[in-house]
Protein backbone atom coordinates (compact mmCIF):
# COMPACT_ATOMS: atom_id res chain seq x y z
CA MET A 1 7.72 83.69 91.91
CA LEU A 2 4.39 83.17 93.56
CA ASP A 3 4.25 83.94 97.48
CA ALA A 4 3.03 80.83 99.19
CA GLY A 5 0.85 82.67 101.85
CA CYS A 6 -0.43 85.21 99.41
CA GLY A 7 -0.91 83.38 96.11
CA ALA A 8 0.76 85.97 94.17
CA PRO A 9 3.65 87.48 92.83
CA HIS A 10 5.76 88.28 96.04
CA SER A 11 6.73 91.91 95.11
CA GLN A 12 2.75 92.35 94.23
CA CYS A 13 1.78 91.36 97.61
CA MET A 14 4.69 93.30 99.16
CA ARG A 15 3.38 96.07 96.98
CA GLY A 16 -0.29 95.69 97.66
CA TRP A 17 0.42 95.67 101.60
CA ALA A 18 2.93 98.86 101.16
CA ILE A 19 -0.47 100.87 99.93
CA VAL A 20 -2.58 99.50 102.95
CA ILE A 21 -0.10 100.39 105.44
CA ALA A 22 0.28 103.92 103.46
CA TYR A 23 -3.81 104.06 103.49
CA GLY A 24 -3.71 103.19 107.03
CA LEU A 25 -1.43 106.19 108.08
CA MET A 26 -3.66 108.61 106.19
CA SER A 27 -6.92 107.23 108.14
CA ALA A 28 -5.03 107.37 111.55
CA MET A 29 -4.12 111.22 110.84
CA VAL A 30 -7.48 111.85 109.65
CA GLN A 31 -8.56 110.57 113.30
CA VAL A 32 -5.66 112.45 115.00
CA LEU A 33 -6.89 115.85 113.66
CA TRP A 34 -10.44 115.17 114.50
CA LEU A 35 -9.51 114.85 118.20
CA THR A 36 -6.68 117.35 118.22
CA TYR A 37 -9.04 119.13 120.90
CA ALA A 38 -11.06 116.74 122.75
CA ALA A 39 -8.94 116.48 125.49
CA PHE A 40 -8.83 120.57 126.78
CA THR A 41 -12.02 121.86 125.25
CA SER A 42 -12.04 124.59 127.91
CA ASP A 43 -8.48 125.68 127.59
CA ALA A 44 -8.85 125.87 124.11
CA ALA A 45 -12.22 127.70 123.73
CA VAL A 46 -9.65 130.40 126.19
CA HIS A 47 -6.81 130.18 124.20
CA PHE A 48 -9.02 130.93 121.12
CA GLY A 49 -10.79 133.55 123.09
CA VAL A 50 -14.23 131.85 121.75
CA SER A 51 -17.24 129.64 123.54
CA GLU A 52 -16.94 125.99 124.55
CA SER A 53 -19.67 124.99 122.10
CA ALA A 54 -17.42 126.71 119.16
CA VAL A 55 -14.94 124.46 120.25
CA VAL A 56 -16.61 121.48 119.94
CA TRP A 57 -17.78 122.15 116.39
CA LEU A 58 -13.99 122.05 115.36
CA ALA A 59 -15.02 118.05 116.30
CA ASN A 60 -18.65 118.08 115.61
CA VAL A 61 -18.00 119.45 111.75
CA LEU A 62 -15.72 115.73 110.52
CA PRO A 63 -19.52 113.82 111.46
CA LEU A 64 -21.92 116.36 110.04
CA LEU A 65 -20.30 116.64 106.94
CA TYR A 66 -19.31 112.73 106.56
CA ILE A 67 -23.65 112.42 106.80
CA VAL A 68 -23.68 115.02 103.90
CA LEU A 69 -21.14 113.70 101.68
CA GLY A 70 -20.79 109.60 102.59
CA LEU A 71 -23.01 108.41 99.79
CA PRO A 72 -21.32 111.05 97.13
CA SER A 73 -17.90 110.39 98.34
CA GLY A 74 -18.60 106.37 97.74
CA MET A 75 -19.84 107.09 94.40
CA LEU A 76 -16.99 109.08 93.54
CA LEU A 77 -14.47 106.71 94.42
CA ASP A 78 -16.19 103.71 92.76
CA ARG A 79 -16.05 106.04 89.60
CA TRP A 80 -12.34 107.16 90.03
CA PHE A 81 -11.07 105.31 92.49
CA ARG A 82 -6.80 106.20 92.63
CA SER A 83 -7.47 110.04 91.60
CA THR A 84 -9.98 110.49 94.23
CA LEU A 85 -8.49 109.10 96.78
CA ALA A 86 -5.03 110.65 95.99
CA LEU A 87 -6.81 113.97 96.13
CA ALA A 88 -8.61 113.28 99.37
CA GLY A 89 -5.28 112.72 100.94
CA GLY A 90 -3.86 116.08 99.78
CA LEU A 91 -7.01 117.93 100.59
CA THR A 92 -6.11 116.41 104.26
CA ALA A 93 -2.77 117.73 104.27
CA LEU A 94 -3.95 120.90 103.19
CA GLY A 95 -6.29 121.36 106.22
CA ALA A 96 -3.71 120.39 108.40
CA CYS A 97 -0.87 122.77 107.14
CA VAL A 98 -3.73 125.66 107.48
CA ARG A 99 -4.06 125.18 111.01
CA LEU A 100 -0.49 126.12 111.66
CA PHE A 101 -1.76 129.67 111.30
CA ASP A 102 -2.89 130.63 114.85
CA GLY A 103 -6.45 131.18 115.68
CA TYR A 104 -9.82 130.35 115.19
CA GLY A 105 -10.35 131.33 112.11
CA PRO A 106 -7.88 129.43 110.43
CA VAL A 107 -8.26 126.48 112.51
CA LEU A 108 -11.87 126.08 111.65
CA ALA A 109 -11.03 126.58 108.05
CA GLY A 110 -8.58 123.33 108.05
CA GLN A 111 -10.95 121.19 110.47
CA LEU A 112 -13.56 122.23 107.52
CA LEU A 113 -11.01 120.85 104.80
CA ILE A 114 -10.23 117.52 106.76
CA ALA A 115 -13.92 117.53 107.03
CA ILE A 116 -14.67 117.18 103.51
CA ALA A 117 -11.66 114.98 102.73
CA GLN A 118 -12.89 112.43 105.55
CA PRO A 119 -15.21 110.51 104.00
CA PHE A 120 -13.40 110.11 100.78
CA VAL A 121 -10.36 108.47 102.95
CA LEU A 122 -12.86 106.41 104.83
CA ASN A 123 -14.93 104.92 102.36
CA ALA A 124 -12.14 103.78 100.66
CA VAL A 125 -10.96 100.71 102.70
CA SER A 126 -13.03 97.88 101.23
CA LYS A 127 -12.15 98.57 97.70
CA LEU A 128 -8.51 99.64 98.32
CA ALA A 129 -8.29 95.94 99.96
CA ASP A 130 -10.03 94.28 97.05
CA ALA A 131 -7.75 95.78 94.41
CA TYR A 132 -4.19 96.04 95.81
CA LEU A 133 -4.58 92.54 97.84
CA PRO A 134 -5.21 88.77 96.64
CA ARG A 135 -8.25 87.63 98.19
CA GLU A 136 -6.99 85.00 100.60
CA GLN A 137 -5.62 88.72 102.10
CA ARG A 138 -8.32 91.02 101.67
CA ALA A 139 -10.16 90.49 105.19
CA ALA A 140 -6.60 90.90 106.74
CA GLY A 141 -6.67 94.47 104.50
CA ILE A 142 -9.88 95.35 105.19
CA ALA A 143 -8.88 94.82 109.03
CA VAL A 144 -6.00 96.86 109.25
CA GLY A 145 -7.12 99.79 107.15
CA ALA A 146 -10.55 99.85 109.59
CA SER A 147 -8.80 99.23 112.71
CA SER A 148 -5.94 102.17 111.94
CA GLY A 149 -8.96 104.72 112.24
CA PHE A 150 -8.74 103.44 115.86
CA VAL A 151 -5.21 103.67 116.54
CA GLY A 152 -5.54 107.34 115.10
CA MET A 153 -8.50 107.80 117.51
CA LEU A 154 -6.20 106.94 120.81
CA ALA A 155 -3.51 108.68 119.48
CA GLY A 156 -5.17 111.86 119.24
CA LEU A 157 -6.58 111.03 122.33
CA LEU A 158 -3.42 110.48 124.17
CA LEU A 159 -1.51 113.22 122.19
CA GLY A 160 -3.71 116.18 123.23
CA GLY A 161 -4.27 114.85 127.10
CA MET A 162 -0.03 115.11 127.02
CA LEU A 163 0.55 118.04 125.62
CA GLY A 164 -2.64 120.47 126.41
CA VAL A 165 -3.52 123.80 125.01
CA ASP A 166 0.51 124.66 126.04
CA GLY A 167 1.72 122.27 123.53
CA LEU A 168 -1.01 123.43 120.90
CA THR A 169 1.73 124.37 118.74
CA THR A 170 3.32 121.15 118.53
CA LEU A 171 0.08 119.33 118.24
CA HIS A 172 -0.71 121.11 114.91
CA VAL A 173 2.75 120.25 113.59
CA ILE A 174 2.45 116.77 114.11
CA GLY A 175 -0.58 116.97 112.69
CA ALA A 176 0.94 118.74 109.18
CA VAL A 177 3.85 116.63 109.04
CA GLY A 178 2.19 113.26 109.66
CA SER A 179 -0.50 114.29 107.34
CA VAL A 180 2.00 115.43 104.32
CA ALA A 181 4.03 112.47 104.65
CA ALA A 182 1.21 109.87 104.66
CA ALA A 183 -0.29 112.18 101.95
CA VAL A 184 2.72 112.05 99.58
CA LEU A 185 3.11 108.80 100.65
CA LEU A 186 -0.33 107.13 99.57
CA ALA A 187 0.07 109.44 96.10
CA PHE A 188 3.17 108.29 95.31
CA LEU A 189 2.18 104.64 95.29
CA LEU A 190 -1.28 104.91 93.64
CA ARG A 191 0.61 106.29 90.58
CA THR A 192 0.94 102.76 89.74
CA PRO A 193 -2.36 100.88 89.03
CA PRO A 194 -2.97 97.26 90.57
CA ALA A 195 -1.95 94.51 88.49
CA ASP A 196 -5.34 93.60 87.89
CA GLY A 197 -6.62 97.37 87.12
CA VAL A 198 -9.27 98.62 90.16
CA SER A 199 -13.01 97.85 89.30
CA GLU A 200 -14.89 101.26 88.72
CA THR A 201 -18.85 101.41 87.84
CA ARG A 202 -20.74 104.75 87.91
CA VAL A 203 -23.29 104.32 90.74
CA THR A 204 -26.72 105.74 90.04
CA LEU A 205 -29.33 106.42 92.03
CA ALA A 206 -31.56 103.60 90.95
CA SER A 207 -28.67 101.33 92.09
CA LEU A 208 -28.23 102.82 95.37
CA ARG A 209 -32.11 101.95 95.98
CA ALA A 210 -31.70 98.76 94.65
CA LEU A 211 -29.04 98.48 97.02
CA VAL A 212 -30.85 99.51 99.86
CA ALA A 213 -33.76 97.18 99.04
CA LEU A 214 -31.66 94.22 99.39
CA PRO A 215 -32.63 91.79 102.17
CA SER A 216 -28.98 90.96 103.10
CA MET A 217 -28.17 94.80 103.75
CA LYS A 218 -31.14 95.27 105.11
CA LEU A 219 -30.48 92.69 107.92
CA ILE A 220 -26.80 94.29 107.91
CA GLY A 221 -27.77 98.02 108.29
CA SER A 222 -30.11 97.15 110.90
CA ALA A 223 -27.37 95.21 112.78
CA VAL A 224 -25.15 98.41 112.28
CA PHE A 225 -27.56 100.95 113.33
CA PHE A 226 -27.77 99.41 116.80
CA ALA A 227 -24.59 97.75 117.47
CA PHE A 228 -22.00 101.10 115.88
CA GLY A 229 -24.97 103.07 117.31
CA LEU A 230 -24.44 101.51 120.38
CA PHE A 231 -20.46 102.53 120.46
CA ILE A 232 -21.10 105.97 119.26
CA ALA A 233 -23.37 106.87 122.23
CA LEU A 234 -21.67 104.98 124.73
CA THR A 235 -18.52 106.78 123.98
CA ALA A 236 -20.47 110.15 124.09
CA THR A 237 -22.20 109.35 127.13
CA MET A 238 -19.90 107.04 129.61
CA GLU A 239 -18.18 110.43 131.27
CA VAL A 240 -22.25 111.86 132.77
CA LEU A 241 -23.33 108.19 133.37
CA LEU A 242 -20.35 106.98 135.75
CA LYS A 243 -19.86 110.54 137.47
CA PRO A 244 -22.43 110.30 139.81
CA HIS A 245 -21.11 106.80 140.80
CA GLY A 246 -17.55 107.92 142.10
CA VAL A 247 -15.94 107.52 138.65
CA ASP A 248 -13.98 110.95 137.44
CA THR A 249 -13.20 112.54 133.94
CA ASP A 250 -9.70 111.25 134.00
CA SER A 251 -10.53 107.62 134.47
CA VAL A 252 -13.22 107.41 132.15
CA GLY A 253 -10.87 108.73 129.85
CA LEU A 254 -8.49 105.36 130.66
CA ILE A 255 -11.41 103.21 130.50
CA LEU A 256 -12.50 104.39 126.99
CA ALA A 257 -9.01 104.22 125.69
CA ALA A 258 -8.62 100.71 127.05
CA MET A 259 -11.73 99.88 125.54
CA VAL A 260 -10.17 101.13 121.95
CA VAL A 261 -6.82 99.38 122.78
CA ALA A 262 -8.82 96.06 123.20
CA GLY A 263 -10.80 96.60 119.95
CA ILE A 264 -7.45 97.89 118.04
CA VAL A 265 -6.27 94.17 119.55
CA GLY A 266 -9.77 92.08 118.51
CA SER A 267 -9.40 93.65 114.83
CA ALA A 268 -5.66 92.74 114.53
CA ILE A 269 -6.74 88.92 115.91
CA ILE A 270 -10.93 88.17 114.77
CA PRO A 271 -11.66 89.74 111.38
CA THR A 272 -9.26 87.23 109.53
CA ARG A 273 -10.37 84.10 111.22
CA VAL A 274 -13.39 84.97 110.88
CA ALA A 275 -13.43 85.55 107.25
CA ARG A 276 -11.22 82.40 106.55
CA LEU A 277 -13.89 80.22 108.75
CA ASN A 278 -16.74 82.09 107.18
CA THR A 279 -18.37 82.47 110.57
CA GLN A 280 -19.97 86.36 110.06
CA ARG A 281 -23.13 85.36 111.49
CA PRO A 282 -22.34 83.40 114.75
CA VAL A 283 -19.56 85.79 115.59
CA LEU A 284 -21.93 89.15 115.30
CA ILE A 285 -24.17 87.48 117.30
CA ALA A 286 -21.82 86.59 119.96
CA THR A 287 -20.32 89.72 120.25
CA MET A 288 -23.50 91.85 120.71
CA THR A 289 -24.78 88.75 123.20
CA ILE A 290 -21.60 89.72 125.14
CA ALA A 291 -22.31 94.00 124.88
CA ALA A 292 -25.90 93.32 125.87
CA LEU A 293 -24.52 91.66 129.14
CA GLY A 294 -21.70 94.27 129.27
CA CYS A 295 -24.35 97.15 129.43
CA LEU A 296 -26.84 95.03 131.71
CA ALA A 297 -23.85 94.65 133.71
CA LEU A 298 -22.98 98.49 133.83
CA ALA A 299 -27.00 98.80 134.40
CA ILE A 300 -26.85 96.94 137.72
CA ALA A 301 -23.96 97.83 139.29
CA PRO A 302 -22.18 100.82 137.92
CA GLY A 303 -18.52 101.87 139.02
CA GLU A 304 -14.84 102.11 137.91
CA LEU A 305 -14.31 97.93 138.28
CA THR A 306 -17.57 97.01 136.48
CA ALA A 307 -16.35 100.10 133.85
CA TRP A 308 -13.20 98.59 133.41
CA LEU A 309 -13.83 94.82 132.88
CA VAL A 310 -16.80 95.96 130.54
CA ALA A 311 -14.96 98.27 128.15
CA ILE A 312 -11.92 95.57 127.77
CA ILE A 313 -14.18 92.41 127.47
CA VAL A 314 -16.96 94.08 124.99
CA GLY A 315 -14.55 96.68 123.25
CA PHE A 316 -12.38 93.39 122.19
CA PRO A 317 -14.91 91.94 119.72
CA LEU A 318 -17.44 95.21 119.66
CA LEU A 319 -14.92 97.17 117.32
CA ALA A 320 -13.46 94.25 115.54
CA SER A 321 -17.26 93.75 114.02
CA LEU A 322 -16.26 96.91 111.87
CA PRO A 323 -13.71 94.92 109.50
CA ILE A 324 -16.04 92.39 109.52
CA VAL A 325 -19.22 93.91 108.33
CA LEU A 326 -17.31 95.84 105.66
CA GLU A 327 -15.91 92.59 104.38
CA LEU A 328 -19.31 91.02 104.26
CA THR A 329 -20.62 93.96 102.41
CA GLU A 330 -18.04 93.68 100.03
CA GLN A 331 -19.03 90.28 99.45
CA ILE A 332 -22.60 90.93 98.48
CA VAL A 333 -21.96 94.28 96.49
CA GLY A 334 -18.74 93.82 94.93
CA GLU A 335 -15.27 95.05 94.26
CA ALA A 336 -16.96 97.78 91.64
CA GLY A 337 -19.33 99.18 94.56
CA GLY A 338 -16.99 98.60 97.21
CA SER A 339 -16.82 101.86 98.48
CA THR A 340 -20.63 103.10 97.92
CA GLY A 341 -21.30 99.84 100.06
CA ALA A 342 -18.65 101.11 103.04
CA ALA A 343 -20.34 104.30 102.77
CA TYR A 344 -23.83 102.91 103.59
CA ILE A 345 -22.62 101.42 106.12
CA TYR A 346 -20.92 104.43 108.20
CA ILE A 347 -23.66 106.47 107.79
CA ILE A 348 -26.06 104.03 109.13
CA GLY A 349 -24.03 103.50 112.13
CA ASN A 350 -23.59 107.50 112.47
CA ALA A 351 -27.24 107.17 112.46
CA GLY A 352 -27.90 104.84 114.86
CA GLY A 353 -25.34 106.88 117.22
CA ILE A 354 -27.21 110.08 116.50
CA VAL A 355 -30.74 108.12 117.68
CA LEU A 356 -29.31 106.41 120.40
CA SER A 357 -27.97 109.41 121.94
CA LEU A 358 -30.90 111.32 121.74
CA ILE A 359 -32.96 108.05 123.22
CA VAL A 360 -31.12 108.25 126.58
CA ASP A 361 -30.56 112.15 127.06
CA PRO A 362 -33.74 112.27 128.86
CA ALA A 363 -32.19 109.19 131.12
CA LEU A 364 -28.60 110.48 131.67
CA ASP A 365 -29.08 111.11 135.44
CA HIS A 366 -30.24 107.53 135.60
CA ALA A 367 -27.36 105.14 134.79
CA ALA A 368 -29.46 102.39 135.45
CA ILE A 369 -32.08 103.44 132.77
CA ALA A 370 -29.46 104.34 130.15
CA PHE A 371 -27.61 101.47 130.37
CA ALA A 372 -30.69 98.91 129.66
CA ILE A 373 -31.28 101.20 127.32
CA PHE A 374 -27.81 100.47 125.79
CA ALA A 375 -28.41 96.65 126.65
CA LEU A 376 -31.42 96.53 124.78
CA ALA A 377 -29.69 98.07 121.46
CA ALA A 378 -27.12 95.48 121.76
CA ALA A 379 -29.86 92.45 122.02
CA ALA A 380 -31.39 94.13 118.91
CA ALA A 381 -28.41 93.72 117.36
CA ALA A 382 -27.86 90.12 118.44
CA VAL A 383 -31.46 89.08 117.25
CA ILE A 384 -31.07 90.82 113.95
CA ALA A 385 -27.38 89.26 113.33
CA SER A 386 -29.22 85.93 113.75
CA ARG A 387 -31.64 86.30 110.66
CA LEU A 388 -28.46 87.06 108.60
CA PRO A 389 -28.07 83.83 106.04
CA ARG A 390 -24.64 81.81 106.80
CA THR A 391 -23.38 82.60 103.66
CA VAL A 392 -24.30 85.52 101.62
CA LYS A 393 -24.68 85.55 97.95
CA ALA A 394 -23.01 88.35 95.77
CA GLU A 395 -25.54 90.53 94.78
CA PRO A 396 -23.36 93.51 92.85
CA VAL A 397 -26.76 95.53 92.48
CA LEU A 398 -24.35 98.55 92.13
CA SER A 399 -22.34 97.50 89.37
CA ALA A 400 -23.12 98.99 85.98
């Protein structure tokens, strides 16, 4: 029997969504594990008997290894999708279990295992939705998969803030149990291939060069560099920039949490409507224009009220633009190269965050200048998005 809202047998749709939800749990757990110590870095340093910078590296090792493993992981997923994703889930769970042994050494070893697995988990989002959901629901599947990472970020920060270093054992147990459960569920559901199979391909260096050379991907990559670079740099510097203007650390934490919550809500509402109406270009332009105006407002009137308003108003569409861009990339590269396409997007975004953070670093004592730089970055993304074609054409250069 066909599901009217799915265009496929009801059981097939239900199974597809079960796999997407299992993947979402796995993706969320990766983010929870990443941010375990972020809320109590100083106390964790005392607990482990190491420097604060050593604790910071427990988190930094994940984005660092993503830059190294991003493209190779995407290529492996595009070649052997189900087995590679299942192994990544298992490696994440193993890393979480290693952290149960108290001491900085076991915790660092666990974080390294999680960091190796993270790119494989993140880069699977588009290909998973392509393989297991009918075309009418793929944008929604990508949105659920991508926004689950934001849910995990929020959960990680809240759990760390509530339990603190005194609840470190509890945090480690939650991470281990949650990761093992998600990994087992995902591996079990991945045992059976989708009805139409998974489009797999051998991505070569030549096809990667062809991907980067595509005019549409150049534009998308440039917009992502500024857009997601803005989000990464903004979250990293918000406390330093607002503290001289009377906003304390706890308030900044709540403001950033509100930004993520707004983004989760936006991700649940915006991407599916955008895909249905084919309005990616105007929505991306509007999103980055709003972000530019928000950063400009913070440059003119930095303070707690302005920060709350900007976080909610900007966060709502900004975080929702990630699944929009991932779905747009999938339209161009096709299902077979979906994981490598996602890797390209994530790497460009991370690079943008690093570059923007370095640019504003000399201006951290001058909030007006720093937020003005962020406003210029958002405006640049809006201008680049305006050059995107109204309808992108499929150019599956990654397919063998």
